[in-house]
């Protein structure tokens, strides 16, 4: 069974936007309500592609900048706002769409408690599934002990198979020197032998 959360919720450009997932306790993507014509029994709810939405429960931890509540408040009524989210957080499946108009959030609640608020983000069209936009795949590698992937901040490949799927990453036919290696996402080591990536650390020639 795959568990939901912690989620990712980013407005605007996912490469530079703030992730408000820590302020969300529940997030659901809703399809359009069925529109069935009598005697035809065919659902026309996606013609045109309208009626999709996201409903979420947010934590009103504070009203300061950097919180989900404050983002919604400051951007109230903003049209066609890009939004990227994933109910699985660290998973590889993300959704992207545009919020038709940023809604006004509720404020208040029980005394001496962090309040919560429910809000619906109506979307312009059906969401699109995209690859994880928070992962920067490496385009190169620097030999060392350990070596590093480039550009700076690139996400190491998950394992040896993922590393080999990226190809040589600019390496030549020269094998790495004794003891050189890179650390992969599963904390294993790998090195370039002149033709492919191999598990472990480079041996003596």
C-alpha atoms as a PDB file:
ATOM      1  CA  UNK A   1       0.000   0.000   0.000  1.00  0.00           C
ATOM      2  CA  UNK A   2       1.306   3.461  -0.905  1.00  0.00           C
ATOM      3  CA  UNK A   3       0.804   6.025   1.827  1.00  0.00           C
ATOM      4  CA  UNK A   4      -0.185   9.617   1.105  1.00  0.00           C
ATOM      5  CA  UNK A   5       2.144  12.357   2.322  1.00  0.00           C
ATOM      6  CA  UNK A   6       3.997  14.318   3.143  1.00  0.00           C
ATOM      7  CA  UNK A   7       2.847  16.146   0.047  1.00  0.00           C
ATOM      8  CA  UNK A   8       4.465  18.751  -2.172  1.00  0.00           C
ATOM      9  CA  UNK A   9       2.535  21.915  -3.106  1.00  0.00           C
ATOM     10  CA  UNK A  10       4.279  24.661  -5.081  1.00  0.00           C
ATOM     11  CA  UNK A  11       2.776  27.702  -6.772  1.00  0.00           C
ATOM     12  CA  UNK A  12       4.541  29.316  -9.727  1.00  0.00           C
ATOM     13  CA  UNK A  13       7.821  27.882 -11.017  1.00  0.00           C
ATOM     14  CA  UNK A  14       8.607  24.634  -9.127  1.00  0.00           C
ATOM     15  CA  UNK A  15      12.332  25.305  -9.545  1.00  0.00           C
ATOM     16  CA  UNK A  16      12.155  28.540  -7.557  1.00  0.00           C
ATOM     17  CA  UNK A  17       8.812  28.441  -5.715  1.00  0.00           C
ATOM     18  CA  UNK A  18       8.237  27.641  -2.055  1.00  0.00           C
ATOM     19  CA  UNK A  19       7.037  24.151  -1.162  1.00  0.00           C
ATOM     20  CA  UNK A  20       4.004  24.550   1.132  1.00  0.00           C
ATOM     21  CA  UNK A  21       3.545  20.807   1.610  1.00  0.00           C
ATOM     22  CA  UNK A  22       4.400  21.019   5.321  1.00  0.00           C
ATOM     23  CA  UNK A  23       1.300  23.187   5.806  1.00  0.00           C
ATOM     24  CA  UNK A  24      -1.055  20.615   4.237  1.00  0.00           C
ATOM     25  CA  UNK A  25      -2.669  17.761   6.156  1.00  0.00           C
ATOM     26  CA  UNK A  26      -4.995  16.541   3.399  1.00  0.00           C
ATOM     27  CA  UNK A  27      -4.981  16.970  -0.383  1.00  0.00           C
ATOM     28  CA  UNK A  28      -7.364  15.482  -2.951  1.00  0.00           C
ATOM     29  CA  UNK A  29      -7.605  15.987  -6.704  1.00  0.00           C
ATOM     30  CA  UNK A  30     -11.228  15.999  -7.842  1.00  0.00           C
ATOM     31  CA  UNK A  31     -12.505  15.135 -11.331  1.00  0.00           C
ATOM     32  CA  UNK A  32     -15.476  17.012 -12.792  1.00  0.00           C
ATOM     33  CA  UNK A  33     -18.963  16.115 -11.657  1.00  0.00           C
ATOM     34  CA  UNK A  34     -20.554  13.674 -14.130  1.00  0.00           C
ATOM     35  CA  UNK A  35     -22.714  15.246 -16.812  1.00  0.00           C
ATOM     36  CA  UNK A  36     -24.872  12.471 -18.224  1.00  0.00           C
ATOM     37  CA  UNK A  37     -27.518  13.074 -20.852  1.00  0.00           C
ATOM     38  CA  UNK A  38     -30.711  11.071 -20.249  1.00  0.00           C
ATOM     39  CA  UNK A  39     -31.266   8.128 -22.597  1.00  0.00           C
ATOM     40  CA  UNK A  40     -27.655   8.375 -23.867  1.00  0.00           C
ATOM     41  CA  UNK A  41     -25.853   7.421 -20.653  1.00  0.00           C
ATOM     42  CA  UNK A  42     -22.602   9.021 -21.718  1.00  0.00           C
ATOM     43  CA  UNK A  43     -20.516  11.224 -19.440  1.00  0.00           C
ATOM     44  CA  UNK A  44     -19.687  14.590 -21.051  1.00  0.00           C
ATOM     45  CA  UNK A  45     -18.025  16.112 -17.972  1.00  0.00           C
ATOM     46  CA  UNK A  46     -14.635  16.366 -19.713  1.00  0.00           C
ATOM     47  CA  UNK A  47     -16.028  18.073 -22.836  1.00  0.00           C
ATOM     48  CA  UNK A  48     -14.616  20.654 -22.575  1.00  0.00           C
ATOM     49  CA  UNK A  49     -11.964  19.857 -19.962  1.00  0.00           C
ATOM     50  CA  UNK A  50     -13.395  21.888 -17.092  1.00  0.00           C
ATOM     51  CA  UNK A  51     -14.432  21.234 -13.528  1.00  0.00           C
ATOM     52  CA  UNK A  52     -11.221  19.793 -12.079  1.00  0.00           C
ATOM     53  CA  UNK A  53     -10.154  21.006  -8.661  1.00  0.00           C
ATOM     54  CA  UNK A  54      -7.905  20.360  -5.692  1.00  0.00           C
ATOM     55  CA  UNK A  55      -9.366  20.374  -2.197  1.00  0.00           C
ATOM     56  CA  UNK A  56      -6.951  20.591   0.691  1.00  0.00           C
ATOM     57  CA  UNK A  57      -6.798  21.134   4.412  1.00  0.00           C
ATOM     58  CA  UNK A  58      -4.155  23.634   5.425  1.00  0.00           C
ATOM     59  CA  UNK A  59      -2.567  24.318   8.802  1.00  0.00           C
ATOM     60  CA  UNK A  60      -2.920  27.891   9.992  1.00  0.00           C
ATOM     61  CA  UNK A  61       0.281  27.674  12.019  1.00  0.00           C
ATOM     62  CA  UNK A  62       0.846  31.407  11.726  1.00  0.00           C
ATOM     63  CA  UNK A  63      -0.132  34.304   9.486  1.00  0.00           C
ATOM     64  CA  UNK A  64       3.468  35.196   8.636  1.00  0.00           C
ATOM     65  CA  UNK A  65       5.224  35.227   5.269  1.00  0.00           C
ATOM     66  CA  UNK A  66       6.334  31.777   4.124  1.00  0.00           C
ATOM     67  CA  UNK A  67       3.141  29.967   5.137  1.00  0.00           C
ATOM     68  CA  UNK A  68       0.468  28.556   2.851  1.00  0.00           C
ATOM     69  CA  UNK A  69      -2.206  30.714   4.467  1.00  0.00           C
ATOM     70  CA  UNK A  70      -0.220  33.892   3.821  1.00  0.00           C
ATOM     71  CA  UNK A  71       0.500  32.923   0.216  1.00  0.00           C
ATOM     72  CA  UNK A  72      -3.214  32.482  -0.477  1.00  0.00           C
ATOM     73  CA  UNK A  73      -4.054  35.737   1.311  1.00  0.00           C
ATOM     74  CA  UNK A  74      -1.427  37.779  -0.545  1.00  0.00           C
ATOM     75  CA  UNK A  75      -2.336  36.296  -3.933  1.00  0.00           C
ATOM     76  CA  UNK A  76      -6.117  36.364  -3.584  1.00  0.00           C
ATOM     77  CA  UNK A  77      -7.892  36.489  -6.951  1.00  0.00           C
ATOM     78  CA  UNK A  78      -4.676  35.951  -8.937  1.00  0.00           C
ATOM     79  CA  UNK A  79      -5.699  34.305 -12.214  1.00  0.00           C
ATOM     80  CA  UNK A  80      -4.121  31.356 -14.014  1.00  0.00           C
ATOM     81  CA  UNK A  81      -1.601  30.704 -11.252  1.00  0.00           C
ATOM     82  CA  UNK A  82       0.580  27.633 -12.037  1.00  0.00           C
ATOM     83  CA  UNK A  83       0.514  24.959  -9.355  1.00  0.00           C
ATOM     84  CA  UNK A  84       2.556  21.769  -9.022  1.00  0.00           C
ATOM     85  CA  UNK A  85       1.789  19.095  -6.455  1.00  0.00           C
ATOM     86  CA  UNK A  86       2.291  15.506  -5.454  1.00  0.00           C
ATOM     87  CA  UNK A  87       0.392  13.646  -2.739  1.00  0.00           C
ATOM     88  CA  UNK A  88       3.410  11.373  -2.269  1.00  0.00           C
ATOM     89  CA  UNK A  89       6.066  14.014  -1.634  1.00  0.00           C
ATOM     90  CA  UNK A  90       9.244  12.140  -2.508  1.00  0.00           C
ATOM     91  CA  UNK A  91       7.613  10.134  -5.306  1.00  0.00           C
ATOM     92  CA  UNK A  92       8.284  10.435  -9.002  1.00  0.00           C
ATOM     93  CA  UNK A  93       4.716  11.316 -10.061  1.00  0.00           C
ATOM     94  CA  UNK A  94       3.755  14.985  -9.917  1.00  0.00           C
ATOM     95  CA  UNK A  95       0.819  16.923 -11.320  1.00  0.00           C
ATOM     96  CA  UNK A  96       0.743  20.405 -12.792  1.00  0.00           C
ATOM     97  CA  UNK A  97      -2.132  22.696 -13.710  1.00  0.00           C
ATOM     98  CA  UNK A  98      -3.281  26.302 -13.368  1.00  0.00           C
ATOM     99  CA  UNK A  99      -5.510  27.653 -10.625  1.00  0.00           C
ATOM    100  CA  UNK A 100      -8.324  29.615 -12.251  1.00  0.00           C
ATOM    101  CA  UNK A 101      -8.357  32.177  -9.426  1.00  0.00           C
ATOM    102  CA  UNK A 102      -6.548  31.970  -6.084  1.00  0.00           C
ATOM    103  CA  UNK A 103      -9.271  31.790  -3.390  1.00  0.00           C
ATOM    104  CA  UNK A 104      -9.481  33.687  -0.112  1.00  0.00           C
ATOM    105  CA  UNK A 105      -8.497  31.474   2.863  1.00  0.00           C
ATOM    106  CA  UNK A 106     -10.419  31.125   6.112  1.00  0.00           C
ATOM    107  CA  UNK A 107      -8.834  32.521   9.281  1.00  0.00           C
ATOM    108  CA  UNK A 108      -9.473  31.756  12.931  1.00  0.00           C
ATOM    109  CA  UNK A 109     -10.403  28.702  14.950  1.00  0.00           C
ATOM    110  CA  UNK A 110     -10.318  27.249  18.443  1.00  0.00           C
ATOM    111  CA  UNK A 111      -8.306  29.144  21.058  1.00  0.00           C
ATOM    112  CA  UNK A 112      -4.751  28.016  21.934  1.00  0.00           C
ATOM    113  CA  UNK A 113      -4.558  25.651  18.980  1.00  0.00           C
ATOM    114  CA  UNK A 114      -3.127  25.713  15.488  1.00  0.00           C
ATOM    115  CA  UNK A 115      -6.145  26.324  13.303  1.00  0.00           C
ATOM    116  CA  UNK A 116      -6.877  24.501  10.063  1.00  0.00           C
ATOM    117  CA  UNK A 117      -8.717  25.661   7.003  1.00  0.00           C
ATOM    118  CA  UNK A 118     -10.337  23.865   4.066  1.00  0.00           C
ATOM    119  CA  UNK A 119      -9.993  25.381   0.629  1.00  0.00           C
ATOM    120  CA  UNK A 120     -10.754  24.430  -2.963  1.00  0.00           C
ATOM    121  CA  UNK A 121      -8.454  25.366  -5.829  1.00  0.00           C
ATOM    122  CA  UNK A 122     -10.492  25.332  -9.041  1.00  0.00           C
ATOM    123  CA  UNK A 123      -8.325  24.415 -12.006  1.00  0.00           C
ATOM    124  CA  UNK A 124      -8.443  25.782 -15.532  1.00  0.00           C
ATOM    125  CA  UNK A 125      -8.156  22.328 -17.090  1.00  0.00           C
ATOM    126  CA  UNK A 126      -7.348  18.685 -16.426  1.00  0.00           C
ATOM    127  CA  UNK A 127      -3.984  18.317 -14.620  1.00  0.00           C
ATOM    128  CA  UNK A 128      -0.965  16.895 -16.443  1.00  0.00           C
ATOM    129  CA  UNK A 129       1.316  14.227 -14.989  1.00  0.00           C
ATOM    130  CA  UNK A 130       4.967  15.280 -15.077  1.00  0.00           C
ATOM    131  CA  UNK A 131       8.293  13.909 -13.850  1.00  0.00           C
ATOM    132  CA  UNK A 132       9.584  15.074 -10.483  1.00  0.00           C
ATOM    133  CA  UNK A 133      10.509  18.741 -11.128  1.00  0.00           C
ATOM    134  CA  UNK A 134      12.529  18.906  -7.914  1.00  0.00           C
ATOM    135  CA  UNK A 135      15.148  16.504  -9.250  1.00  0.00           C
ATOM    136  CA  UNK A 136      18.050  17.910 -11.299  1.00  0.00           C
ATOM    137  CA  UNK A 137      19.615  15.039 -13.290  1.00  0.00           C
ATOM    138  CA  UNK A 138      23.411  15.173 -13.634  1.00  0.00           C
ATOM    139  CA  UNK A 139      24.906  16.042 -17.004  1.00  0.00           C
ATOM    140  CA  UNK A 140      28.519  15.421 -16.043  1.00  0.00           C
ATOM    141  CA  UNK A 141      30.784  14.005 -13.362  1.00  0.00           C
ATOM    142  CA  UNK A 142      34.091  14.962 -11.753  1.00  0.00           C
ATOM    143  CA  UNK A 143      36.449  12.140 -10.813  1.00  0.00           C
ATOM    144  CA  UNK A 144      37.556  11.990  -7.189  1.00  0.00           C
ATOM    145  CA  UNK A 145      37.430  10.079  -3.915  1.00  0.00           C
ATOM    146  CA  UNK A 146      34.625  10.789  -3.736  1.00  0.00           C
ATOM    147  CA  UNK A 147      33.878  12.428  -7.039  1.00  0.00           C
ATOM    148  CA  UNK A 148      30.869  14.633  -7.688  1.00  0.00           C
ATOM    149  CA  UNK A 149      28.104  15.101 -10.201  1.00  0.00           C
ATOM    150  CA  UNK A 150      27.583  18.291 -12.167  1.00  0.00           C
ATOM    151  CA  UNK A 151      25.977  20.773 -12.307  1.00  0.00           C
ATOM    152  CA  UNK A 152      26.193  21.779  -8.658  1.00  0.00           C
ATOM    153  CA  UNK A 153      23.102  20.539  -6.842  1.00  0.00           C
ATOM    154  CA  UNK A 154      22.451  17.710  -9.293  1.00  0.00           C
ATOM    155  CA  UNK A 155      20.638  14.740  -7.776  1.00  0.00           C
ATOM    156  CA  UNK A 156      22.828  11.611  -7.714  1.00  0.00           C
ATOM    157  CA  UNK A 157      21.395   8.671  -9.690  1.00  0.00           C
ATOM    158  CA  UNK A 158      19.406   6.337  -7.450  1.00  0.00           C
ATOM    159  CA  UNK A 159      21.578   3.282  -8.141  1.00  0.00           C
ATOM    160  CA  UNK A 160      24.038   1.751 -10.608  1.00  0.00           C
ATOM    161  CA  UNK A 161      21.346   0.978 -13.189  1.00  0.00           C
ATOM    162  CA  UNK A 162      20.147   4.588 -13.079  1.00  0.00           C
ATOM    163  CA  UNK A 163      23.730   5.825 -13.476  1.00  0.00           C
ATOM    164  CA  UNK A 164      24.363   3.645 -16.523  1.00  0.00           C
ATOM    165  CA  UNK A 165      21.074   4.830 -18.015  1.00  0.00           C
ATOM    166  CA  UNK A 166      22.608   8.330 -18.145  1.00  0.00           C
ATOM    167  CA  UNK A 167      25.470   7.127 -20.341  1.00  0.00           C
ATOM    168  CA  UNK A 168      29.102   8.169 -20.044  1.00  0.00           C
ATOM    169  CA  UNK A 169      28.303  11.669 -18.707  1.00  0.00           C
ATOM    170  CA  UNK A 170      31.147  13.052 -20.758  1.00  0.00           C
ATOM    171  CA  UNK A 171      33.783  10.533 -19.642  1.00  0.00           C
ATOM    172  CA  UNK A 172      36.427   9.363 -22.135  1.00  0.00           C
ATOM    173  CA  UNK A 173      37.801   5.888 -22.759  1.00  0.00           C
ATOM    174  CA  UNK A 174      40.282   6.404 -19.918  1.00  0.00           C
ATOM    175  CA  UNK A 175      39.488   4.446 -16.758  1.00  0.00           C
ATOM    176  CA  UNK A 176      39.430   6.291 -13.457  1.00  0.00           C
ATOM    177  CA  UNK A 177      42.474   6.286 -11.198  1.00  0.00           C
ATOM    178  CA  UNK A 178      42.894   3.972  -8.223  1.00  0.00           C
ATOM    179  CA  UNK A 179      40.350   4.585  -5.478  1.00  0.00           C
ATOM    180  CA  UNK A 180      38.142   7.007  -7.422  1.00  0.00           C
ATOM    181  CA  UNK A 181      34.376   6.713  -7.105  1.00  0.00           C
ATOM    182  CA  UNK A 182      31.073   8.572  -6.873  1.00  0.00           C
ATOM    183  CA  UNK A 183      28.364   8.037  -4.263  1.00  0.00           C
ATOM    184  CA  UNK A 184      24.930   7.084  -5.583  1.00  0.00           C
ATOM    185  CA  UNK A 185      21.493   7.705  -4.122  1.00  0.00           C
ATOM    186  CA  UNK A 186      21.459   4.325  -2.347  1.00  0.00           C
ATOM    187  CA  UNK A 187      24.894   5.178  -0.793  1.00  0.00           C
ATOM    188  CA  UNK A 188      26.673   2.626  -2.969  1.00  0.00           C
ATOM    189  CA  UNK A 189      29.856   3.516  -4.869  1.00  0.00           C
ATOM    190  CA  UNK A 190      30.544   3.374  -8.607  1.00  0.00           C
ATOM    191  CA  UNK A 191      33.429   4.231 -10.933  1.00  0.00           C
ATOM    192  CA  UNK A 192      34.091   4.613 -14.653  1.00  0.00           C
ATOM    193  CA  UNK A 193      36.175   1.768 -16.156  1.00  0.00           C
ATOM    194  CA  UNK A 194      36.612   3.354 -19.564  1.00  0.00           C
ATOM    195  CA  UNK A 195      33.523   1.856 -21.135  1.00  0.00           C
ATOM    196  CA  UNK A 196      30.802   1.696 -18.475  1.00  0.00           C
ATOM    197  CA  UNK A 197      29.967   2.414 -14.840  1.00  0.00           C
ATOM    198  CA  UNK A 198      30.898  -0.371 -12.426  1.00  0.00           C
ATOM    199  CA  UNK A 199      30.045  -0.924  -8.766  1.00  0.00           C
ATOM    200  CA  UNK A 200      32.739  -0.189  -6.208  1.00  0.00           C
ATOM    201  CA  UNK A 201      35.904   1.891  -6.302  1.00  0.00           C
ATOM    202  CA  UNK A 202      38.396   2.002  -9.147  1.00  0.00           C
ATOM    203  CA  UNK A 203      41.085  -0.690  -8.847  1.00  0.00           C
ATOM    204  CA  UNK A 204      44.728  -0.386  -9.834  1.00  0.00           C
ATOM    205  CA  UNK A 205      45.286  -0.604 -13.614  1.00  0.00           C
END
